[in-house]
């Protein structure tokens, strides 16, 4: 993804499904409570925030990418997400 192709939302770049699918191993989902994680525009912590491993910066995912990451973490049995239902997860993202 070229710099000119990156969309911004405040100070965070937004990664859509097309950009994500070019290199999915480049992006991960992190807890918004990790040290260095940005606050949302209202000053609260994000529950979950994207991270670009290549650029080493926090990013936002579109809802479609977020759903992919949630589904993958549930299928792999990882304890990445703290809630039981996808509906709850999407309501808080």
PDB file of N, CA and C in Angstrom:
ATOM      1  N   UNK A   1       0.855  -1.172   0.000  1.00  0.00           N
ATOM      2  CA  UNK A   1       0.000   0.000   0.000  1.00  0.00           C
ATOM      3  C   UNK A   1       0.900   1.234   0.000  1.00  0.00           C
ATOM      4  N   UNK A   2       0.777   2.045  -0.994  1.00  0.00           N
ATOM      5  CA  UNK A   2       1.573   3.257  -1.108  1.00  0.00           C
ATOM      6  C   UNK A   2       1.053   4.309  -0.142  1.00  0.00           C
ATOM      7  N   UNK A   3       1.922   5.227   0.245  1.00  0.00           N
ATOM      8  CA  UNK A   3       1.500   6.298   1.146  1.00  0.00           C
ATOM      9  C   UNK A   3       0.317   7.069   0.588  1.00  0.00           C
ATOM     10  N   UNK A   4       0.321   7.333  -0.702  1.00  0.00           N
ATOM     11  CA  UNK A   4      -0.765   8.110  -1.291  1.00  0.00           C
ATOM     12  C   UNK A   4      -2.095   7.360  -1.264  1.00  0.00           C
ATOM     13  N   UNK A   5      -2.044   6.019  -1.130  1.00  0.00           N
ATOM     14  CA  UNK A   5      -3.264   5.217  -1.107  1.00  0.00           C
ATOM     15  C   UNK A   5      -3.848   5.069   0.291  1.00  0.00           C
ATOM     16  N   UNK A   6      -3.149   5.523   1.305  1.00  0.00           N
ATOM     17  CA  UNK A   6      -3.613   5.361   2.676  1.00  0.00           C
ATOM     18  C   UNK A   6      -4.660   6.412   3.001  1.00  0.00           C
ATOM     19  N   UNK A   7      -5.802   5.937   3.492  1.00  0.00           N
ATOM     20  CA  UNK A   7      -6.875   6.838   3.903  1.00  0.00           C
ATOM     21  C   UNK A   7      -6.681   7.165   5.374  1.00  0.00           C
ATOM     22  N   UNK A   8      -7.065   8.358   5.777  1.00  0.00           N
ATOM     23  CA  UNK A   8      -6.883   8.720   7.171  1.00  0.00           C
ATOM     24  C   UNK A   8      -8.210   8.919   7.876  1.00  0.00           C
ATOM     25  N   UNK A   9      -8.201   8.650   9.154  1.00  0.00           N
ATOM     26  CA  UNK A   9      -9.329   8.891  10.043  1.00  0.00           C
ATOM     27  C   UNK A   9      -8.723   9.556  11.264  1.00  0.00           C
ATOM     28  N   UNK A  10      -8.742  10.877  11.303  1.00  0.00           N
ATOM     29  CA  UNK A  10      -8.009  11.573  12.347  1.00  0.00           C
ATOM     30  C   UNK A  10      -6.534  11.399  12.055  1.00  0.00           C
ATOM     31  N   UNK A  11      -5.808  10.832  12.994  1.00  0.00           N
ATOM     32  CA  UNK A  11      -4.383  10.602  12.774  1.00  0.00           C
ATOM     33  C   UNK A  11      -4.077   9.150  12.408  1.00  0.00           C
ATOM     34  N   UNK A  12      -5.083   8.276  12.452  1.00  0.00           N
ATOM     35  CA  UNK A  12      -4.859   6.864  12.127  1.00  0.00           C
ATOM     36  C   UNK A  12      -5.219   6.585  10.674  1.00  0.00           C
ATOM     37  N   UNK A  13      -4.386   5.808  10.024  1.00  0.00           N
ATOM     38  CA  UNK A  13      -4.674   5.397   8.653  1.00  0.00           C
ATOM     39  C   UNK A  13      -5.668   4.253   8.683  1.00  0.00           C
ATOM     40  N   UNK A  14      -6.585   4.244   7.724  1.00  0.00           N
ATOM     41  CA  UNK A  14      -7.596   3.194   7.656  1.00  0.00           C
ATOM     42  C   UNK A  14      -7.209   2.202   6.570  1.00  0.00           C
ATOM     43  N   UNK A  15      -7.224   0.917   6.925  1.00  0.00           N
ATOM     44  CA  UNK A  15      -6.884  -0.152   5.993  1.00  0.00           C
ATOM     45  C   UNK A  15      -8.162  -0.863   5.584  1.00  0.00           C
ATOM     46  N   UNK A  16      -8.432  -0.878   4.276  1.00  0.00           N
ATOM     47  CA  UNK A  16      -9.635  -1.546   3.769  1.00  0.00           C
ATOM     48  C   UNK A  16      -9.309  -2.979   3.358  1.00  0.00           C
ATOM     49  N   UNK A  17     -10.328  -3.699   2.925  1.00  0.00           N
ATOM     50  CA  UNK A  17     -10.174  -5.119   2.581  1.00  0.00           C
ATOM     51  C   UNK A  17      -9.170  -5.322   1.439  1.00  0.00           C
ATOM     52  N   UNK A  18      -9.193  -4.455   0.454  1.00  0.00           N
ATOM     53  CA  UNK A  18      -8.274  -4.586  -0.682  1.00  0.00           C
ATOM     54  C   UNK A  18      -6.822  -4.486  -0.226  1.00  0.00           C
ATOM     55  N   UNK A  19      -6.510  -3.471   0.571  1.00  0.00           N
ATOM     56  CA  UNK A  19      -5.140  -3.301   1.064  1.00  0.00           C
ATOM     57  C   UNK A  19      -4.745  -4.456   1.980  1.00  0.00           C
ATOM     58  N   UNK A  20      -5.676  -4.885   2.829  1.00  0.00           N
ATOM     59  CA  UNK A  20      -5.405  -5.992   3.744  1.00  0.00           C
ATOM     60  C   UNK A  20      -5.104  -7.282   2.982  1.00  0.00           C
ATOM     61  N   UNK A  21      -5.868  -7.550   1.943  1.00  0.00           N
ATOM     62  CA  UNK A  21      -5.709  -8.811   1.209  1.00  0.00           C
ATOM     63  C   UNK A  21      -4.384  -8.885   0.443  1.00  0.00           C
ATOM     64  N   UNK A  22      -3.744  -7.760   0.178  1.00  0.00           N
ATOM     65  CA  UNK A  22      -2.443  -7.768  -0.498  1.00  0.00           C
ATOM     66  C   UNK A  22      -1.352  -8.387   0.376  1.00  0.00           C
ATOM     67  N   UNK A  23      -1.471  -8.214   1.697  1.00  0.00           N
ATOM     68  CA  UNK A  23      -0.468  -8.754   2.620  1.00  0.00           C
ATOM     69  C   UNK A  23      -1.080  -8.876   4.016  1.00  0.00           C
ATOM     70  N   UNK A  24      -1.934  -9.874   4.239  1.00  0.00           N
ATOM     71  CA  UNK A  24      -2.631  -9.981   5.523  1.00  0.00           C
ATOM     72  C   UNK A  24      -1.713 -10.216   6.725  1.00  0.00           C
ATOM     73  N   UNK A  25      -0.538 -10.789   6.513  1.00  0.00           N
ATOM     74  CA  UNK A  25       0.379 -11.024   7.636  1.00  0.00           C
ATOM     75  C   UNK A  25       1.022  -9.731   8.130  1.00  0.00           C
ATOM     76  N   UNK A  26       0.824  -8.674   7.385  1.00  0.00           N
ATOM     77  CA  UNK A  26       1.387  -7.377   7.755  1.00  0.00           C
ATOM     78  C   UNK A  26       0.623  -6.728   8.909  1.00  0.00           C
ATOM     79  N   UNK A  27      -0.640  -7.115   9.089  1.00  0.00           N
ATOM     80  CA  UNK A  27      -1.518  -6.441  10.047  1.00  0.00           C
ATOM     81  C   UNK A  27      -1.952  -7.370  11.168  1.00  0.00           C
ATOM     82  N   UNK A  28      -2.043  -6.818  12.370  1.00  0.00           N
ATOM     83  CA  UNK A  28      -2.541  -7.577  13.512  1.00  0.00           C
ATOM     84  C   UNK A  28      -3.541  -6.726  14.284  1.00  0.00           C
ATOM     85  N   UNK A  29      -4.281  -7.389  15.140  1.00  0.00           N
ATOM     86  CA  UNK A  29      -5.240  -6.731  16.014  1.00  0.00           C
ATOM     87  C   UNK A  29      -4.652  -6.731  17.418  1.00  0.00           C
ATOM     88  N   UNK A  30      -4.583  -5.556  18.040  1.00  0.00           N
ATOM     89  CA  UNK A  30      -4.026  -5.419  19.388  1.00  0.00           C
ATOM     90  C   UNK A  30      -5.077  -4.850  20.330  1.00  0.00           C
ATOM     91  N   UNK A  31      -4.863  -5.094  21.600  1.00  0.00           N
ATOM     92  CA  UNK A  31      -5.719  -4.488  22.619  1.00  0.00           C
ATOM     93  C   UNK A  31      -5.467  -2.983  22.628  1.00  0.00           C
ATOM     94  N   UNK A  32      -6.522  -2.213  22.746  1.00  0.00           N
ATOM     95  CA  UNK A  32      -6.384  -0.762  22.818  1.00  0.00           C
ATOM     96  C   UNK A  32      -5.806  -0.284  24.134  1.00  0.00           C
ATOM     97  N   UNK A  33      -5.598  -1.194  25.060  1.00  0.00           N
ATOM     98  CA  UNK A  33      -5.048  -0.842  26.372  1.00  0.00           C
ATOM     99  C   UNK A  33      -3.530  -1.040  26.452  1.00  0.00           C
ATOM    100  N   UNK A  34      -2.920  -1.495  25.350  1.00  0.00           N
ATOM    101  CA  UNK A  34      -1.461  -1.659  25.350  1.00  0.00           C
ATOM    102  C   UNK A  34      -0.785  -0.304  25.447  1.00  0.00           C
ATOM    103  N   UNK A  35       0.390  -0.308  26.043  1.00  0.00           N
ATOM    104  CA  UNK A  35       1.150   0.929  26.161  1.00  0.00           C
ATOM    105  C   UNK A  35       1.449   1.478  24.765  1.00  0.00           C
ATOM    106  N   UNK A  36       1.198   2.746  24.563  1.00  0.00           N
ATOM    107  CA  UNK A  36       1.440   3.375  23.271  1.00  0.00           C
ATOM    108  C   UNK A  36       0.253   3.367  22.331  1.00  0.00           C
ATOM    109  N   UNK A  37      -0.810   2.639  22.691  1.00  0.00           N
ATOM    110  CA  UNK A  37      -2.005   2.603  21.835  1.00  0.00           C
ATOM    111  C   UNK A  37      -2.700   3.964  21.889  1.00  0.00           C
ATOM    112  N   UNK A  38      -3.156   4.460  20.755  1.00  0.00           N
ATOM    113  CA  UNK A  38      -3.795   5.776  20.732  1.00  0.00           C
ATOM    114  C   UNK A  38      -5.189   5.748  21.342  1.00  0.00           C
ATOM    115  N   UNK A  39      -5.615   6.889  21.828  1.00  0.00           N
ATOM    116  CA  UNK A  39      -6.981   7.041  22.332  1.00  0.00           C
ATOM    117  C   UNK A  39      -7.899   7.356  21.158  1.00  0.00           C
ATOM    118  N   UNK A  40      -9.179   7.065  21.330  1.00  0.00           N
ATOM    119  CA  UNK A  40     -10.153   7.414  20.297  1.00  0.00           C
ATOM    120  C   UNK A  40     -10.353   8.933  20.310  1.00  0.00           C
ATOM    121  N   UNK A  41     -11.038   9.486  19.325  1.00  0.00           N
ATOM    122  CA  UNK A  41     -11.228  10.937  19.264  1.00  0.00           C
ATOM    123  C   UNK A  41     -11.918  11.532  20.497  1.00  0.00           C
ATOM    124  N   UNK A  42     -12.613  10.694  21.274  1.00  0.00           N
ATOM    125  CA  UNK A  42     -13.306  11.173  22.468  1.00  0.00           C
ATOM    126  C   UNK A  42     -12.459  11.010  23.725  1.00  0.00           C
ATOM    127  N   UNK A  43     -11.224  10.544  23.573  1.00  0.00           N
ATOM    128  CA  UNK A  43     -10.317  10.406  24.699  1.00  0.00           C
ATOM    129  C   UNK A  43     -10.366   9.061  25.400  1.00  0.00           C
ATOM    130  N   UNK A  44     -11.211   8.154  24.954  1.00  0.00           N
ATOM    131  CA  UNK A  44     -11.298   6.817  25.546  1.00  0.00           C
ATOM    132  C   UNK A  44     -10.339   5.868  24.840  1.00  0.00           C
ATOM    133  N   UNK A  45     -10.128   4.703  25.439  1.00  0.00           N
ATOM    134  CA  UNK A  45      -9.303   3.674  24.798  1.00  0.00           C
ATOM    135  C   UNK A  45     -10.161   2.872  23.835  1.00  0.00           C
ATOM    136  N   UNK A  46      -9.587   2.522  22.687  1.00  0.00           N
ATOM    137  CA  UNK A  46     -10.238   1.562  21.801  1.00  0.00           C
ATOM    138  C   UNK A  46     -10.196   0.209  22.501  1.00  0.00           C
ATOM    139  N   UNK A  47     -11.213  -0.610  22.307  1.00  0.00           N
ATOM    140  CA  UNK A  47     -11.148  -1.966  22.840  1.00  0.00           C
ATOM    141  C   UNK A  47     -10.116  -2.754  22.037  1.00  0.00           C
ATOM    142  N   UNK A  48     -10.161  -2.614  20.711  1.00  0.00           N
ATOM    143  CA  UNK A  48      -9.226  -3.276  19.802  1.00  0.00           C
ATOM    144  C   UNK A  48      -8.769  -2.272  18.764  1.00  0.00           C
ATOM    145  N   UNK A  49      -7.506  -2.347  18.402  1.00  0.00           N
ATOM    146  CA  UNK A  49      -6.938  -1.411  17.435  1.00  0.00           C
ATOM    147  C   UNK A  49      -6.007  -2.197  16.504  1.00  0.00           C
ATOM    148  N   UNK A  50      -5.968  -1.787  15.260  1.00  0.00           N
ATOM    149  CA  UNK A  50      -5.095  -2.442  14.298  1.00  0.00           C
ATOM    150  C   UNK A  50      -3.661  -1.962  14.426  1.00  0.00           C
ATOM    151  N   UNK A  51      -2.749  -2.792  13.961  1.00  0.00           N
ATOM    152  CA  UNK A  51      -1.337  -2.431  13.980  1.00  0.00           C
ATOM    153  C   UNK A  51      -0.682  -2.919  12.696  1.00  0.00           C
ATOM    154  N   UNK A  52       0.069  -2.032  12.060  1.00  0.00           N
ATOM    155  CA  UNK A  52       0.798  -2.335  10.832  1.00  0.00           C
ATOM    156  C   UNK A  52       2.223  -2.719  11.227  1.00  0.00           C
ATOM    157  N   UNK A  53       2.565  -3.989  11.059  1.00  0.00           N
ATOM    158  CA  UNK A  53       3.890  -4.472  11.450  1.00  0.00           C
ATOM    159  C   UNK A  53       5.000  -3.906  10.570  1.00  0.00           C
ATOM    160  N   UNK A  54       4.690  -3.623   9.316  1.00  0.00           N
ATOM    161  CA  UNK A  54       5.709  -3.095   8.398  1.00  0.00           C
ATOM    162  C   UNK A  54       6.075  -1.655   8.749  1.00  0.00           C
ATOM    163  N   UNK A  55       5.065  -0.819   8.939  1.00  0.00           N
ATOM    164  CA  UNK A  55       5.308   0.589   9.260  1.00  0.00           C
ATOM    165  C   UNK A  55       5.449   0.829  10.762  1.00  0.00           C
ATOM    166  N   UNK A  56       5.127  -0.179  11.560  1.00  0.00           N
ATOM    167  CA  UNK A  56       5.169  -0.105  13.016  1.00  0.00           C
ATOM    168  C   UNK A  56       4.373   1.081  13.536  1.00  0.00           C
ATOM    169  N   UNK A  57       3.083   1.095  13.129  1.00  0.00           N
ATOM    170  CA  UNK A  57       2.190   2.147  13.599  1.00  0.00           C
ATOM    171  C   UNK A  57       0.779   1.591  13.751  1.00  0.00           C
ATOM    172  N   UNK A  58       0.020   2.236  14.618  1.00  0.00           N
ATOM    173  CA  UNK A  58      -1.371   1.840  14.815  1.00  0.00           C
ATOM    174  C   UNK A  58      -2.206   2.325  13.644  1.00  0.00           C
ATOM    175  N   UNK A  59      -3.215   1.520  13.297  1.00  0.00           N
ATOM    176  CA  UNK A  59      -4.093   1.823  12.169  1.00  0.00           C
ATOM    177  C   UNK A  59      -5.527   1.487  12.546  1.00  0.00           C
ATOM    178  N   UNK A  60      -6.458   1.876  11.698  1.00  0.00           N
ATOM    179  CA  UNK A  60      -7.863   1.469  11.843  1.00  0.00           C
ATOM    180  C   UNK A  60      -8.181   0.515  10.711  1.00  0.00           C
ATOM    181  N   UNK A  61      -8.985  -0.495  11.005  1.00  0.00           N
ATOM    182  CA  UNK A  61      -9.475  -1.402   9.977  1.00  0.00           C
ATOM    183  C   UNK A  61     -10.901  -1.033   9.621  1.00  0.00           C
ATOM    184  N   UNK A  62     -11.275  -1.249   8.369  1.00  0.00           N
ATOM    185  CA  UNK A  62     -12.687  -1.154   8.020  1.00  0.00           C
ATOM    186  C   UNK A  62     -13.388  -2.325   8.703  1.00  0.00           C
ATOM    187  N   UNK A  63     -14.695  -2.242   8.794  1.00  0.00           N
ATOM    188  CA  UNK A  63     -15.457  -3.282   9.485  1.00  0.00           C
ATOM    189  C   UNK A  63     -15.264  -4.646   8.824  1.00  0.00           C
ATOM    190  N   UNK A  64     -15.151  -4.672   7.495  1.00  0.00           N
ATOM    191  CA  UNK A  64     -14.980  -5.955   6.798  1.00  0.00           C
ATOM    192  C   UNK A  64     -13.665  -6.630   7.192  1.00  0.00           C
ATOM    193  N   UNK A  65     -12.595  -5.869   7.346  1.00  0.00           N
ATOM    194  CA  UNK A  65     -11.311  -6.436   7.756  1.00  0.00           C
ATOM    195  C   UNK A  65     -11.382  -6.873   9.218  1.00  0.00           C
ATOM    196  N   UNK A  66     -12.012  -6.062  10.050  1.00  0.00           N
ATOM    197  CA  UNK A  66     -12.158  -6.410  11.459  1.00  0.00           C
ATOM    198  C   UNK A  66     -12.896  -7.740  11.607  1.00  0.00           C
ATOM    199  N   UNK A  67     -13.947  -7.943  10.818  1.00  0.00           N
ATOM    200  CA  UNK A  67     -14.704  -9.200  10.868  1.00  0.00           C
ATOM    201  C   UNK A  67     -13.817 -10.388  10.494  1.00  0.00           C
ATOM    202  N   UNK A  68     -12.970 -10.214   9.489  1.00  0.00           N
ATOM    203  CA  UNK A  68     -12.051 -11.281   9.076  1.00  0.00           C
ATOM    204  C   UNK A  68     -11.132 -11.658  10.240  1.00  0.00           C
ATOM    205  N   UNK A  69     -10.567 -10.664  10.896  1.00  0.00           N
ATOM    206  CA  UNK A  69      -9.640 -10.919  11.998  1.00  0.00           C
ATOM    207  C   UNK A  69     -10.334 -11.585  13.182  1.00  0.00           C
ATOM    208  N   UNK A  70     -11.558 -11.172  13.474  1.00  0.00           N
ATOM    209  CA  UNK A  70     -12.321 -11.787  14.562  1.00  0.00           C
ATOM    210  C   UNK A  70     -12.598 -13.245  14.234  1.00  0.00           C
ATOM    211  N   UNK A  71     -13.038 -13.499  13.013  1.00  0.00           N
ATOM    212  CA  UNK A  71     -13.357 -14.866  12.594  1.00  0.00           C
ATOM    213  C   UNK A  71     -12.118 -15.756  12.670  1.00  0.00           C
ATOM    214  N   UNK A  72     -10.989 -15.262  12.185  1.00  0.00           N
ATOM    215  CA  UNK A  72      -9.748 -16.038  12.220  1.00  0.00           C
ATOM    216  C   UNK A  72      -9.320 -16.348  13.649  1.00  0.00           C
ATOM    217  N   UNK A  73      -9.450 -15.368  14.542  1.00  0.00           N
ATOM    218  CA  UNK A  73      -9.032 -15.606  15.926  1.00  0.00           C
ATOM    219  C   UNK A  73      -9.957 -16.602  16.614  1.00  0.00           C
ATOM    220  N   UNK A  74     -11.246 -16.575  16.276  1.00  0.00           N
ATOM    221  CA  UNK A  74     -12.187 -17.529  16.869  1.00  0.00           C
ATOM    222  C   UNK A  74     -11.932 -18.939  16.338  1.00  0.00           C
ATOM    223  N   UNK A  75     -11.619 -19.061  15.058  1.00  0.00           N
ATOM    224  CA  UNK A  75     -11.357 -20.372  14.458  1.00  0.00           C
ATOM    225  C   UNK A  75     -10.066 -20.987  14.978  1.00  0.00           C
ATOM    226  N   UNK A  76      -9.082 -20.161  15.240  1.00  0.00           N
ATOM    227  CA  UNK A  76      -7.798 -20.678  15.710  1.00  0.00           C
ATOM    228  C   UNK A  76      -7.814 -20.972  17.202  1.00  0.00           C
ATOM    229  N   UNK A  77      -8.852 -20.505  17.891  1.00  0.00           N
ATOM    230  CA  UNK A  77      -8.953 -20.739  19.327  1.00  0.00           C
ATOM    231  C   UNK A  77      -8.107 -19.799  20.150  1.00  0.00           C
ATOM    232  N   UNK A  78      -7.535 -18.775  19.518  1.00  0.00           N
ATOM    233  CA  UNK A  78      -6.731 -17.807  20.253  1.00  0.00           C
ATOM    234  C   UNK A  78      -7.631 -17.003  21.173  1.00  0.00           C
ATOM    235  N   UNK A  79      -7.070 -16.578  22.291  1.00  0.00           N
ATOM    236  CA  UNK A  79      -7.820 -15.750  23.228  1.00  0.00           C
ATOM    237  C   UNK A  79      -7.529 -14.276  22.934  1.00  0.00           C
ATOM    238  N   UNK A  80      -7.730 -13.884  21.685  1.00  0.00           N
ATOM    239  CA  UNK A  80      -7.482 -12.504  21.290  1.00  0.00           C
ATOM    240  C   UNK A  80      -8.639 -11.621  21.723  1.00  0.00           C
ATOM    241  N   UNK A  81      -9.836 -12.172  21.687  1.00  0.00           N
ATOM    242  CA  UNK A  81     -11.020 -11.381  21.975  1.00  0.00           C
ATOM    243  C   UNK A  81     -11.648 -11.837  23.282  1.00  0.00           C
ATOM    244  N   UNK A  82     -12.131 -10.877  24.059  1.00  0.00           N
ATOM    245  CA  UNK A  82     -12.611 -11.169  25.396  1.00  0.00           C
ATOM    246  C   UNK A  82     -14.102 -11.461  25.471  1.00  0.00           C
ATOM    247  N   UNK A  83     -14.844 -11.214  24.425  1.00  0.00           N
ATOM    248  CA  UNK A  83     -16.286 -11.388  24.500  1.00  0.00           C
ATOM    249  C   UNK A  83     -16.719 -12.642  23.773  1.00  0.00           C
ATOM    250  N   UNK A  84     -17.956 -13.051  23.997  1.00  0.00           N
ATOM    251  CA  UNK A  84     -18.440 -14.318  23.455  1.00  0.00           C
ATOM    252  C   UNK A  84     -19.118 -14.196  22.104  1.00  0.00           C
ATOM    253  N   UNK A  85     -19.684 -13.052  21.778  1.00  0.00           N
ATOM    254  CA  UNK A  85     -20.466 -12.962  20.554  1.00  0.00           C
ATOM    255  C   UNK A  85     -19.887 -11.942  19.602  1.00  0.00           C
ATOM    256  N   UNK A  86     -19.987 -12.241  18.315  1.00  0.00           N
ATOM    257  CA  UNK A  86     -19.499 -11.301  17.305  1.00  0.00           C
ATOM    258  C   UNK A  86     -20.289 -10.004  17.352  1.00  0.00           C
ATOM    259  N   UNK A  87     -21.590 -10.077  17.621  1.00  0.00           N
ATOM    260  CA  UNK A  87     -22.411  -8.866  17.661  1.00  0.00           C
ATOM    261  C   UNK A  87     -21.836  -7.883  18.680  1.00  0.00           C
ATOM    262  N   UNK A  88     -21.492  -8.375  19.847  1.00  0.00           N
ATOM    263  CA  UNK A  88     -20.917  -7.514  20.875  1.00  0.00           C
ATOM    264  C   UNK A  88     -19.597  -6.926  20.407  1.00  0.00           C
ATOM    265  N   UNK A  89     -18.771  -7.736  19.763  1.00  0.00           N
ATOM    266  CA  UNK A  89     -17.486  -7.252  19.282  1.00  0.00           C
ATOM    267  C   UNK A  89     -17.656  -6.122  18.293  1.00  0.00           C
ATOM    268  N   UNK A  90     -18.563  -6.290  17.351  1.00  0.00           N
ATOM    269  CA  UNK A  90     -18.730  -5.278  16.321  1.00  0.00           C
ATOM    270  C   UNK A  90     -19.381  -4.020  16.869  1.00  0.00           C
ATOM    271  N   UNK A  91     -20.207  -4.148  17.882  1.00  0.00           N
ATOM    272  CA  UNK A  91     -20.831  -2.978  18.482  1.00  0.00           C
ATOM    273  C   UNK A  91     -19.805  -2.095  19.178  1.00  0.00           C
ATOM    274  N   UNK A  92     -18.718  -2.700  19.654  1.00  0.00           N
ATOM    275  CA  UNK A  92     -17.721  -1.935  20.401  1.00  0.00           C
ATOM    276  C   UNK A  92     -16.569  -1.458  19.544  1.00  0.00           C
ATOM    277  N   UNK A  93     -16.484  -1.857  18.293  1.00  0.00           N
ATOM    278  CA  UNK A  93     -15.360  -1.458  17.456  1.00  0.00           C
ATOM    279  C   UNK A  93     -15.667  -0.177  16.750  1.00  0.00           C
TER     280      UNK A  93
END
